[in-house]
Amino acid sequence: MFIKNFPSLDFSEDDLRKLFETFGSLCSVKIDESRVFGFVAYNKGEDAQSALAHYTKLSEEDDYKGLYVTKCQKKEDRARLLRKDTLKFMKDLARNNLYFKGFPIDGVT
C-alpha cells in the first residue's frame, strides 16, 4: 500500500507500523528518505483490503484524517489511469453548455 500526507514531520516507520499492524501481520514497512510517502506490505491481501477500507473512510475528527492510503501501482498503470480520468473529465466538460436568453433583439436595453 502507498501512504502519504503523514500527520507530522517526525512521523517514523514505527508509527506507521503501529497504525497498520492492527489489521494483520505486516511483511514490510518503509518510509522514503524524503519522508513524504511510505509503503506498507501485508502478508495477506485481505488484511490490506480491510486497512485500505478503514483509512479511506476516516471521520473528520480523527487525527489521521489527511492520511492518503491507496493500493500500490506501477508507474505505467498509474499514468494510464490518470490519462483515462483526464479524458473522461474533458468529455464531460465538453458536454456542458451555457445558454442565455432574454437579450433584446435590437440591442437597445
PDB file of N, CA and C in Angstrom:
ATOM      1  N   MET A   1       0.840  -1.171   0.000  1.00  0.00           N
ATOM      2  CA  MET A   1       0.000   0.000   0.000  1.00  0.00           C
ATOM      3  C   MET A   1       0.886   1.235   0.000  1.00  0.00           C
ATOM      4  N   PHE A   2       0.396   2.298  -0.611  1.00  0.00           N
ATOM      5  CA  PHE A   2       1.102   3.567  -0.700  1.00  0.00           C
ATOM      6  C   PHE A   2       0.436   4.549   0.258  1.00  0.00           C
ATOM      7  N   ILE A   3       1.234   5.217   1.076  1.00  0.00           N
ATOM      8  CA  ILE A   3       0.707   6.142   2.083  1.00  0.00           C
ATOM      9  C   ILE A   3       1.441   7.462   1.968  1.00  0.00           C
ATOM     10  N   LYS A   4       0.692   8.574   2.034  1.00  0.00           N
ATOM     11  CA  LYS A   4       1.310   9.900   2.070  1.00  0.00           C
ATOM     12  C   LYS A   4       0.465  10.813   2.949  1.00  0.00           C
ATOM     13  N   ASN A   5       0.900  12.058   3.116  1.00  0.00           N
ATOM     14  CA  ASN A   5       0.255  13.054   3.974  1.00  0.00           C
ATOM     15  C   ASN A   5       0.284  12.611   5.433  1.00  0.00           C
ATOM     16  N   PHE A   6       1.488  12.345   5.925  1.00  0.00           N
ATOM     17  CA  PHE A   6       1.643  11.940   7.315  1.00  0.00           C
ATOM     18  C   PHE A   6       1.217  13.078   8.240  1.00  0.00           C
ATOM     19  N   PRO A   7       0.738  12.769   9.448  1.00  0.00           N
ATOM     20  CA  PRO A   7       0.226  13.804  10.348  1.00  0.00           C
ATOM     21  C   PRO A   7       1.294  14.758  10.896  1.00  0.00           C
ATOM     22  N   SER A   8       2.547  14.351  10.899  1.00  0.00           N
ATOM     23  CA  SER A   8       3.589  15.235  11.414  1.00  0.00           C
ATOM     24  C   SER A   8       4.900  14.974  10.677  1.00  0.00           C
ATOM     25  N   LEU A   9       5.837  15.902  10.819  1.00  0.00           N
ATOM     26  CA  LEU A   9       7.129  15.770  10.141  1.00  0.00           C
ATOM     27  C   LEU A   9       8.018  14.704  10.778  1.00  0.00           C
ATOM     28  N   ASP A  10       7.792  14.426  12.063  1.00  0.00           N
ATOM     29  CA  ASP A  10       8.613  13.425  12.750  1.00  0.00           C
ATOM     30  C   ASP A  10       7.945  12.048  12.780  1.00  0.00           C
ATOM     31  N   PHE A  11       7.046  11.804  11.852  1.00  0.00           N
ATOM     32  CA  PHE A  11       6.365  10.514  11.742  1.00  0.00           C
ATOM     33  C   PHE A  11       7.381   9.464  11.306  1.00  0.00           C
ATOM     34  N   SER A  12       7.465   8.359  12.038  1.00  0.00           N
ATOM     35  CA  SER A  12       8.505   7.356  11.788  1.00  0.00           C
ATOM     36  C   SER A  12       7.902   6.044  11.266  1.00  0.00           C
ATOM     37  N   GLU A  13       8.786   5.134  10.884  1.00  0.00           N
ATOM     38  CA  GLU A  13       8.346   3.819  10.424  1.00  0.00           C
ATOM     39  C   GLU A  13       7.653   3.052  11.547  1.00  0.00           C
ATOM     40  N   ASP A  14       8.099   3.265  12.784  1.00  0.00           N
ATOM     41  CA  ASP A  14       7.437   2.609  13.923  1.00  0.00           C
ATOM     42  C   ASP A  14       6.007   3.110  14.081  1.00  0.00           C
ATOM     43  N   ASP A  15       5.803   4.424  13.894  1.00  0.00           N
ATOM     44  CA  ASP A  15       4.450   4.976  13.959  1.00  0.00           C
ATOM     45  C   ASP A  15       3.572   4.397  12.853  1.00  0.00           C
ATOM     46  N   LEU A  16       4.149   4.285  11.676  1.00  0.00           N
ATOM     47  CA  LEU A  16       3.411   3.717  10.548  1.00  0.00           C
ATOM     48  C   LEU A  16       3.071   2.247  10.805  1.00  0.00           C
ATOM     49  N   ARG A  17       4.015   1.525  11.375  1.00  0.00           N
ATOM     50  CA  ARG A  17       3.791   0.122  11.716  1.00  0.00           C
ATOM     51  C   ARG A  17       2.655  -0.005  12.743  1.00  0.00           C
ATOM     52  N   LYS A  18       2.644   0.857  13.753  1.00  0.00           N
ATOM     53  CA  LYS A  18       1.588   0.804  14.773  1.00  0.00           C
ATOM     54  C   LYS A  18       0.216   1.060  14.171  1.00  0.00           C
ATOM     55  N   LEU A  19       0.151   1.975  13.199  1.00  0.00           N
ATOM     56  CA  LEU A  19      -1.134   2.284  12.567  1.00  0.00           C
ATOM     57  C   LEU A  19      -1.702   1.103  11.784  1.00  0.00           C
ATOM     58  N   PHE A  20      -0.831   0.391  11.080  1.00  0.00           N
ATOM     59  CA  PHE A  20      -1.312  -0.608  10.138  1.00  0.00           C
ATOM     60  C   PHE A  20      -1.246  -2.041  10.645  1.00  0.00           C
ATOM     61  N   GLU A  21      -0.523  -2.325  11.717  1.00  0.00           N
ATOM     62  CA  GLU A  21      -0.429  -3.710  12.172  1.00  0.00           C
ATOM     63  C   GLU A  21      -1.692  -4.180  12.878  1.00  0.00           C
ATOM     64  N   THR A  22      -2.609  -3.269  13.179  1.00  0.00           N
ATOM     65  CA  THR A  22      -3.873  -3.674  13.803  1.00  0.00           C
ATOM     66  C   THR A  22      -4.757  -4.460  12.838  1.00  0.00           C
ATOM     67  N   PHE A  23      -4.470  -4.383  11.538  1.00  0.00           N
ATOM     68  CA  PHE A  23      -5.293  -5.072  10.544  1.00  0.00           C
ATOM     69  C   PHE A  23      -4.746  -6.432  10.159  1.00  0.00           C
ATOM     70  N   GLY A  24      -3.521  -6.748  10.567  1.00  0.00           N
ATOM     71  CA  GLY A  24      -2.938  -8.040  10.249  1.00  0.00           C
ATOM     72  C   GLY A  24      -1.425  -7.980  10.303  1.00  0.00           C
ATOM     73  N   SER A  25      -0.794  -9.125  10.039  1.00  0.00           N
ATOM     74  CA  SER A  25       0.667  -9.184  10.113  1.00  0.00           C
ATOM     75  C   SER A  25       1.285  -8.505   8.893  1.00  0.00           C
ATOM     76  N   LEU A  26       2.285  -7.676   9.171  1.00  0.00           N
ATOM     77  CA  LEU A  26       2.943  -6.899   8.127  1.00  0.00           C
ATOM     78  C   LEU A  26       4.169  -7.621   7.597  1.00  0.00           C
ATOM     79  N   CYS A  27       4.371  -7.510   6.327  1.00  0.00           N
ATOM     80  CA  CYS A  27       5.553  -8.068   5.691  1.00  0.00           C
ATOM     81  C   CYS A  27       6.692  -7.042   5.744  1.00  0.00           C
ATOM     82  N   SER A  28       6.371  -5.767   5.425  1.00  0.00           N
ATOM     83  CA  SER A  28       7.381  -4.712   5.491  1.00  0.00           C
ATOM     84  C   SER A  28       6.729  -3.340   5.632  1.00  0.00           C
ATOM     85  N   VAL A  29       7.490  -2.409   6.203  1.00  0.00           N
ATOM     86  CA  VAL A  29       7.082  -1.019   6.371  1.00  0.00           C
ATOM     87  C   VAL A  29       8.279  -0.160   5.994  1.00  0.00           C
ATOM     88  N   LYS A  30       8.073   0.820   5.129  1.00  0.00           N
ATOM     89  CA  LYS A  30       9.174   1.661   4.676  1.00  0.00           C
ATOM     90  C   LYS A  30       8.682   3.077   4.436  1.00  0.00           C
ATOM     91  N   ILE A  31       9.409   4.063   4.979  1.00  0.00           N
ATOM     92  CA  ILE A  31       9.168   5.467   4.676  1.00  0.00           C
ATOM     93  C   ILE A  31      10.337   5.940   3.826  1.00  0.00           C
ATOM     94  N   ASP A  32      10.034   6.641   2.741  1.00  0.00           N
ATOM     95  CA  ASP A  32      11.053   7.129   1.823  1.00  0.00           C
ATOM     96  C   ASP A  32      11.977   8.125   2.525  1.00  0.00           C
ATOM     97  N   GLU A  33      13.180   8.296   1.979  1.00  0.00           N
ATOM     98  CA  GLU A  33      14.154   9.226   2.565  1.00  0.00           C
ATOM     99  C   GLU A  33      13.631  10.652   2.605  1.00  0.00           C
ATOM    100  N   SER A  34      12.771  11.019   1.671  1.00  0.00           N
ATOM    101  CA  SER A  34      12.197  12.368   1.656  1.00  0.00           C
ATOM    102  C   SER A  34      11.176  12.562   2.772  1.00  0.00           C
ATOM    103  N   ARG A  35      10.733  11.470   3.393  1.00  0.00           N
ATOM    104  CA  ARG A  35       9.750  11.462   4.471  1.00  0.00           C
ATOM    105  C   ARG A  35       8.396  12.017   4.033  1.00  0.00           C
ATOM    106  N   VAL A  36       8.136  11.941   2.721  1.00  0.00           N
ATOM    107  CA  VAL A  36       6.882  12.422   2.173  1.00  0.00           C
ATOM    108  C   VAL A  36       5.877  11.284   1.997  1.00  0.00           C
ATOM    109  N   PHE A  37       6.375  10.101   1.689  1.00  0.00           N
ATOM    110  CA  PHE A  37       5.480   8.967   1.470  1.00  0.00           C
ATOM    111  C   PHE A  37       6.119   7.695   1.988  1.00  0.00           C
ATOM    112  N   GLY A  38       5.283   6.658   2.106  1.00  0.00           N
ATOM    113  CA  GLY A  38       5.761   5.379   2.598  1.00  0.00           C
ATOM    114  C   GLY A  38       4.986   4.231   1.993  1.00  0.00           C
ATOM    115  N   PHE A  39       5.458   3.031   2.311  1.00  0.00           N
ATOM    116  CA  PHE A  39       4.843   1.814   1.792  1.00  0.00           C
ATOM    117  C   PHE A  39       4.631   0.822   2.928  1.00  0.00           C
ATOM    118  N   VAL A  40       3.527   0.091   2.852  1.00  0.00           N
ATOM    119  CA  VAL A  40       3.221  -0.963   3.814  1.00  0.00           C
ATOM    120  C   VAL A  40       2.818  -2.194   3.019  1.00  0.00           C
ATOM    121  N   ALA A  41       3.404  -3.341   3.363  1.00  0.00           N
ATOM    122  CA  ALA A  41       3.057  -4.599   2.701  1.00  0.00           C
ATOM    123  C   ALA A  41       2.556  -5.594   3.741  1.00  0.00           C
ATOM    124  N   TYR A  42       1.441  -6.221   3.443  1.00  0.00           N
ATOM    125  CA  TYR A  42       0.849  -7.230   4.320  1.00  0.00           C
ATOM    126  C   TYR A  42       1.170  -8.622   3.805  1.00  0.00           C
ATOM    127  N   ASN A  43       1.105  -9.587   4.723  1.00  0.00           N
ATOM    128  CA  ASN A  43       1.271 -10.985   4.333  1.00  0.00           C
ATOM    129  C   ASN A  43       0.029 -11.517   3.629  1.00  0.00           C
ATOM    130  N   LYS A  44      -1.141 -10.971   3.976  1.00  0.00           N
ATOM    131  CA  LYS A  44      -2.400 -11.408   3.378  1.00  0.00           C
ATOM    132  C   LYS A  44      -3.076 -10.237   2.676  1.00  0.00           C
ATOM    133  N   GLY A  45      -3.639 -10.501   1.518  1.00  0.00           N
ATOM    134  CA  GLY A  45      -4.334  -9.471   0.757  1.00  0.00           C
ATOM    135  C   GLY A  45      -5.592  -8.972   1.446  1.00  0.00           C
ATOM    136  N   GLU A  46      -6.256  -9.848   2.199  1.00  0.00           N
ATOM    137  CA  GLU A  46      -7.481  -9.452   2.903  1.00  0.00           C
ATOM    138  C   GLU A  46      -7.184  -8.394   3.956  1.00  0.00           C
ATOM    139  N   ASP A  47      -6.027  -8.521   4.616  1.00  0.00           N
ATOM    140  CA  ASP A  47      -5.640  -7.540   5.623  1.00  0.00           C
ATOM    141  C   ASP A  47      -5.418  -6.175   4.982  1.00  0.00           C
ATOM    142  N   ALA A  48      -4.794  -6.156   3.827  1.00  0.00           N
ATOM    143  CA  ALA A  48      -4.559  -4.905   3.111  1.00  0.00           C
ATOM    144  C   ALA A  48      -5.872  -4.270   2.675  1.00  0.00           C
ATOM    145  N   GLN A  49      -6.807  -5.078   2.235  1.00  0.00           N
ATOM    146  CA  GLN A  49      -8.104  -4.547   1.819  1.00  0.00           C
ATOM    147  C   GLN A  49      -8.858  -3.935   2.986  1.00  0.00           C
ATOM    148  N   SER A  50      -8.809  -4.566   4.151  1.00  0.00           N
ATOM    149  CA  SER A  50      -9.509  -4.011   5.311  1.00  0.00           C
ATOM    150  C   SER A  50      -8.845  -2.718   5.784  1.00  0.00           C
ATOM    151  N   ALA A  51      -7.512  -2.653   5.732  1.00  0.00           N
ATOM    152  CA  ALA A  51      -6.818  -1.413   6.110  1.00  0.00           C
ATOM    153  C   ALA A  51      -7.141  -0.298   5.125  1.00  0.00           C
ATOM    154  N   LEU A  52      -7.161  -0.616   3.857  1.00  0.00           N
ATOM    155  CA  LEU A  52      -7.489   0.372   2.840  1.00  0.00           C
ATOM    156  C   LEU A  52      -8.911   0.886   3.026  1.00  0.00           C
ATOM    157  N   ALA A  53      -9.845   0.000   3.283  1.00  0.00           N
ATOM    158  CA  ALA A  53     -11.233   0.411   3.505  1.00  0.00           C
ATOM    159  C   ALA A  53     -11.349   1.297   4.739  1.00  0.00           C
ATOM    160  N   HIS A  54     -10.615   0.967   5.790  1.00  0.00           N
ATOM    161  CA  HIS A  54     -10.680   1.758   7.017  1.00  0.00           C
ATOM    162  C   HIS A  54     -10.121   3.167   6.811  1.00  0.00           C
ATOM    163  N   TYR A  55      -8.964   3.284   6.223  1.00  0.00           N
ATOM    164  CA  TYR A  55      -8.310   4.585   6.115  1.00  0.00           C
ATOM    165  C   TYR A  55      -8.866   5.459   5.006  1.00  0.00           C
ATOM    166  N   THR A  56      -9.665   4.920   4.108  1.00  0.00           N
ATOM    167  CA  THR A  56     -10.322   5.773   3.124  1.00  0.00           C
ATOM    168  C   THR A  56     -11.633   6.337   3.655  1.00  0.00           C
ATOM    169  N   LYS A  57     -12.110   5.819   4.786  1.00  0.00           N
ATOM    170  CA  LYS A  57     -13.377   6.280   5.356  1.00  0.00           C
ATOM    171  C   LYS A  57     -13.198   6.924   6.735  1.00  0.00           C
ATOM    172  N   LEU A  58     -12.069   7.564   6.968  1.00  0.00           N
ATOM    173  CA  LEU A  58     -11.833   8.176   8.272  1.00  0.00           C
ATOM    174  C   LEU A  58     -12.755   9.366   8.484  1.00  0.00           C
ATOM    175  N   SER A  59     -13.159   9.554   9.716  1.00  0.00           N
ATOM    176  CA  SER A  59     -14.003  10.700  10.032  1.00  0.00           C
ATOM    177  C   SER A  59     -13.144  11.950  10.182  1.00  0.00           C
ATOM    178  N   GLU A  60     -13.769  13.096  10.141  1.00  0.00           N
ATOM    179  CA  GLU A  60     -13.033  14.355  10.233  1.00  0.00           C
ATOM    180  C   GLU A  60     -12.469  14.602  11.624  1.00  0.00           C
ATOM    181  N   GLU A  61     -12.988  13.958  12.633  1.00  0.00           N
ATOM    182  CA  GLU A  61     -12.491  14.151  13.995  1.00  0.00           C
ATOM    183  C   GLU A  61     -11.203  13.392  14.248  1.00  0.00           C
ATOM    184  N   ASP A  62     -10.861  12.468  13.397  1.00  0.00           N
ATOM    185  CA  ASP A  62      -9.695  11.616  13.584  1.00  0.00           C
ATOM    186  C   ASP A  62      -8.405  12.392  13.348  1.00  0.00           C
ATOM    187  N   ASP A  63      -7.356  12.054  14.078  1.00  0.00           N
ATOM    188  CA  ASP A  63      -6.060  12.710  13.931  1.00  0.00           C
ATOM    189  C   ASP A  63      -5.429  12.429  12.581  1.00  0.00           C
ATOM    190  N   TYR A  64      -5.793  11.350  11.932  1.00  0.00           N
ATOM    191  CA  TYR A  64      -5.175  10.943  10.680  1.00  0.00           C
ATOM    192  C   TYR A  64      -6.117  11.167   9.501  1.00  0.00           C
ATOM    193  N   LYS A  65      -6.943  12.203   9.564  1.00  0.00           N
ATOM    194  CA  LYS A  65      -7.921  12.419   8.504  1.00  0.00           C
ATOM    195  C   LYS A  65      -7.287  12.776   7.166  1.00  0.00           C
ATOM    196  N   GLY A  66      -6.084  13.354   7.170  1.00  0.00           N
ATOM    197  CA  GLY A  66      -5.443  13.727   5.923  1.00  0.00           C
ATOM    198  C   GLY A  66      -4.596  12.628   5.328  1.00  0.00           C
ATOM    199  N   LEU A  67      -4.503  11.502   6.014  1.00  0.00           N
ATOM    200  CA  LEU A  67      -3.667  10.395   5.554  1.00  0.00           C
ATOM    201  C   LEU A  67      -4.237   9.832   4.256  1.00  0.00           C
ATOM    202  N   TYR A  68      -3.401   9.767   3.236  1.00  0.00           N
ATOM    203  CA  TYR A  68      -3.810   9.247   1.937  1.00  0.00           C
ATOM    204  C   TYR A  68      -3.276   7.827   1.806  1.00  0.00           C
ATOM    205  N   VAL A  69      -4.183   6.873   1.665  1.00  0.00           N
ATOM    206  CA  VAL A  69      -3.818   5.460   1.574  1.00  0.00           C
ATOM    207  C   VAL A  69      -4.450   4.896   0.306  1.00  0.00           C
ATOM    208  N   THR A  70      -3.634   4.241  -0.498  1.00  0.00           N
ATOM    209  CA  THR A  70      -4.138   3.636  -1.722  1.00  0.00           C
ATOM    210  C   THR A  70      -3.323   2.396  -2.062  1.00  0.00           C
ATOM    211  N   LYS A  71      -3.837   1.644  -2.983  1.00  0.00           N
ATOM    212  CA  LYS A  71      -3.142   0.453  -3.458  1.00  0.00           C
ATOM    213  C   LYS A  71      -1.923   0.877  -4.271  1.00  0.00           C
ATOM    214  N   CYS A  72      -0.816   0.185  -4.103  1.00  0.00           N
ATOM    215  CA  CYS A  72       0.387   0.479  -4.888  1.00  0.00           C
ATOM    216  C   CYS A  72       0.137   0.117  -6.346  1.00  0.00           C
ATOM    217  N   GLN A  73       0.635   0.977  -7.229  1.00  0.00           N
ATOM    218  CA  GLN A  73       0.511   0.730  -8.654  1.00  0.00           C
ATOM    219  C   GLN A  73       1.847   1.004  -9.323  1.00  0.00           C
ATOM    220  N   LYS A  74       2.080   0.335 -10.416  1.00  0.00           N
ATOM    221  CA  LYS A  74       3.259   0.634 -11.203  1.00  0.00           C
ATOM    222  C   LYS A  74       3.077   2.001 -11.847  1.00  0.00           C
ATOM    223  N   LYS A  75       4.184   2.649 -12.150  1.00  0.00           N
ATOM    224  CA  LYS A  75       4.139   3.986 -12.715  1.00  0.00           C
ATOM    225  C   LYS A  75       3.335   4.018 -14.018  1.00  0.00           C
ATOM    226  N   GLU A  76       3.505   3.014 -14.864  1.00  0.00           N
ATOM    227  CA  GLU A  76       2.790   2.964 -16.138  1.00  0.00           C
ATOM    228  C   GLU A  76       1.283   2.808 -15.928  1.00  0.00           C
ATOM    229  N   ASP A  77       0.904   1.972 -14.953  1.00  0.00           N
ATOM    230  CA  ASP A  77      -0.516   1.770 -14.667  1.00  0.00           C
ATOM    231  C   ASP A  77      -1.150   3.045 -14.129  1.00  0.00           C
ATOM    232  N   ARG A  78      -0.436   3.727 -13.255  1.00  0.00           N
ATOM    233  CA  ARG A  78      -0.940   4.982 -12.693  1.00  0.00           C
ATOM    234  C   ARG A  78      -1.084   6.043 -13.783  1.00  0.00           C
ATOM    235  N   ALA A  79      -0.113   6.141 -14.689  1.00  0.00           N
ATOM    236  CA  ALA A  79      -0.181   7.107 -15.782  1.00  0.00           C
ATOM    237  C   ALA A  79      -1.369   6.806 -16.698  1.00  0.00           C
ATOM    238  N   ARG A  80      -1.605   5.525 -16.978  1.00  0.00           N
ATOM    239  CA  ARG A  80      -2.735   5.133 -17.813  1.00  0.00           C
ATOM    240  C   ARG A  80      -4.056   5.512 -17.142  1.00  0.00           C
ATOM    241  N   LEU A  81      -4.157   5.277 -15.852  1.00  0.00           N
ATOM    242  CA  LEU A  81      -5.370   5.626 -15.112  1.00  0.00           C
ATOM    243  C   LEU A  81      -5.598   7.132 -15.103  1.00  0.00           C
ATOM    244  N   LEU A  82      -4.538   7.907 -14.916  1.00  0.00           N
ATOM    245  CA  LEU A  82      -4.673   9.365 -14.934  1.00  0.00           C
ATOM    246  C   LEU A  82      -5.104   9.870 -16.303  1.00  0.00           C
ATOM    247  N   ARG A  83      -4.551   9.288 -17.377  1.00  0.00           N
ATOM    248  CA  ARG A  83      -4.968   9.680 -18.728  1.00  0.00           C
ATOM    249  C   ARG A  83      -6.440   9.369 -18.953  1.00  0.00           C
ATOM    250  N   LYS A  84      -6.870   8.213 -18.489  1.00  0.00           N
ATOM    251  CA  LYS A  84      -8.270   7.811 -18.646  1.00  0.00           C
ATOM    252  C   LYS A  84      -9.192   8.771 -17.890  1.00  0.00           C
ATOM    253  N   ASP A  85      -8.835   9.114 -16.656  1.00  0.00           N
ATOM    254  CA  ASP A  85      -9.646  10.049 -15.874  1.00  0.00           C
ATOM    255  C   ASP A  85      -9.662  11.442 -16.499  1.00  0.00           C
ATOM    256  N   THR A  86      -8.529  11.875 -17.041  1.00  0.00           N
ATOM    257  CA  THR A  86      -8.461  13.184 -17.683  1.00  0.00           C
ATOM    258  C   THR A  86      -9.333  13.231 -18.924  1.00  0.00           C
ATOM    259  N   LEU A  87      -9.295  12.174 -19.732  1.00  0.00           N
ATOM    260  CA  LEU A  87     -10.150  12.117 -20.922  1.00  0.00           C
ATOM    261  C   LEU A  87     -11.622  12.125 -20.551  1.00  0.00           C
ATOM    262  N   LYS A  88     -11.985  11.402 -19.516  1.00  0.00           N
ATOM    263  CA  LYS A  88     -13.381  11.386 -19.070  1.00  0.00           C
ATOM    264  C   LYS A  88     -13.800  12.779 -18.607  1.00  0.00           C
ATOM    265  N   PHE A  89     -12.929  13.459 -17.865  1.00  0.00           N
ATOM    266  CA  PHE A  89     -13.228  14.810 -17.398  1.00  0.00           C
ATOM    267  C   PHE A  89     -13.407  15.764 -18.577  1.00  0.00           C
ATOM    268  N   MET A  90     -12.537  15.659 -19.577  1.00  0.00           N
ATOM    269  CA  MET A  90     -12.622  16.543 -20.736  1.00  0.00           C
ATOM    270  C   MET A  90     -13.899  16.281 -21.537  1.00  0.00           C
ATOM    271  N   LYS A  91     -14.298  15.022 -21.666  1.00  0.00           N
ATOM    272  CA  LYS A  91     -15.542  14.707 -22.374  1.00  0.00           C
ATOM    273  C   LYS A  91     -16.749  15.258 -21.621  1.00  0.00           C
ATOM    274  N   ASP A  92     -16.745  15.117 -20.306  1.00  0.00           N
ATOM    275  CA  ASP A  92     -17.838  15.652 -19.502  1.00  0.00           C
ATOM    276  C   ASP A  92     -17.883  17.173 -19.582  1.00  0.00           C
ATOM    277  N   LEU A  93     -16.728  17.795 -19.615  1.00  0.00           N
ATOM    278  CA  LEU A  93     -16.650  19.247 -19.699  1.00  0.00           C
ATOM    279  C   LEU A  93     -17.151  19.744 -21.048  1.00  0.00           C
ATOM    280  N   ALA A  94     -16.885  18.997 -22.099  1.00  0.00           N
ATOM    281  CA  ALA A  94     -17.318  19.389 -23.435  1.00  0.00           C
ATOM    282  C   ALA A  94     -18.840  19.341 -23.569  1.00  0.00           C
ATOM    283  N   ARG A  95     -19.493  18.558 -22.749  1.00  0.00           N
ATOM    284  CA  ARG A  95     -20.953  18.443 -22.818  1.00  0.00           C
ATOM    285  C   ARG A  95     -21.661  19.559 -22.063  1.00  0.00           C
ATOM    286  N   ASN A  96     -20.950  20.344 -21.312  1.00  0.00           N
ATOM    287  CA  ASN A  96     -21.563  21.423 -20.545  1.00  0.00           C
ATOM    288  C   ASN A  96     -21.726  22.650 -21.428  1.00  0.00           C
ATOM    289  N   ASN A  97     -22.950  23.033 -21.659  1.00  0.00           N
ATOM    290  CA  ASN A  97     -23.249  24.218 -22.462  1.00  0.00           C
ATOM    291  C   ASN A  97     -23.957  25.231 -21.590  1.00  0.00           C
ATOM    292  N   LEU A  98     -23.726  26.479 -21.873  1.00  0.00           N
ATOM    293  CA  LEU A  98     -24.355  27.555 -21.137  1.00  0.00           C
ATOM    294  C   LEU A  98     -25.173  28.379 -22.117  1.00  0.00           C
ATOM    295  N   TYR A  99     -26.462  28.487 -21.872  1.00  0.00           N
ATOM    296  CA  TYR A  99     -27.361  29.207 -22.771  1.00  0.00           C
ATOM    297  C   TYR A  99     -27.899  30.430 -22.061  1.00  0.00           C
ATOM    298  N   PHE A 100     -28.009  31.516 -22.819  1.00  0.00           N
ATOM    299  CA  PHE A 100     -28.597  32.758 -22.314  1.00  0.00           C
ATOM    300  C   PHE A 100     -29.809  33.081 -23.165  1.00  0.00           C
ATOM    301  N   LYS A 101     -30.803  33.672 -22.558  1.00  0.00           N
ATOM    302  CA  LYS A 101     -31.952  34.132 -23.325  1.00  0.00           C
ATOM    303  C   LYS A 101     -32.464  35.415 -22.708  1.00  0.00           C
ATOM    304  N   GLY A 102     -33.290  36.102 -23.441  1.00  0.00           N
ATOM    305  CA  GLY A 102     -33.858  37.343 -22.938  1.00  0.00           C
ATOM    306  C   GLY A 102     -33.105  38.580 -23.357  1.00  0.00           C
ATOM    307  N   PHE A 103     -32.143  38.467 -24.249  1.00  0.00           N
ATOM    308  CA  PHE A 103     -31.435  39.651 -24.754  1.00  0.00           C
ATOM    309  C   PHE A 103     -32.334  40.377 -25.742  1.00  0.00           C
ATOM    310  N   PRO A 104     -32.305  41.701 -25.725  1.00  0.00           N
ATOM    311  CA  PRO A 104     -33.115  42.436 -26.722  1.00  0.00           C
ATOM    312  C   PRO A 104     -32.567  42.224 -28.124  1.00  0.00           C
ATOM    313  N   ILE A 105     -33.454  42.088 -29.089  1.00  0.00           N
ATOM    314  CA  ILE A 105     -33.057  41.807 -30.475  1.00  0.00           C
ATOM    315  C   ILE A 105     -32.409  43.014 -31.110  1.00  0.00           C
ATOM    316  N   ASP A 106     -32.933  44.208 -30.832  1.00  0.00           N
ATOM    317  CA  ASP A 106     -32.404  45.404 -31.499  1.00  0.00           C
ATOM    318  C   ASP A 106     -31.182  45.970 -30.804  1.00  0.00           C
ATOM    319  N   GLY A 107     -30.762  45.420 -29.702  1.00  0.00           N
ATOM    320  CA  GLY A 107     -29.567  45.897 -28.995  1.00  0.00           C
ATOM    321  C   GLY A 107     -29.868  47.028 -28.038  1.00  0.00           C
ATOM    322  N   VAL A 108     -31.106  47.473 -27.918  1.00  0.00           N
ATOM    323  CA  VAL A 108     -31.494  48.551 -27.013  1.00  0.00           C
ATOM    324  C   VAL A 108     -32.006  47.921 -25.731  1.00  0.00           C
ATOM    325  N   THR A 109     -31.558  48.450 -24.608  1.00  0.00           N
ATOM    326  CA  THR A 109     -31.990  47.895 -23.336  1.00  0.00           C
ATOM    327  C   THR A 109     -33.208  48.545 -22.800  1.00  0.00           C
TER     328      THR A 109
END
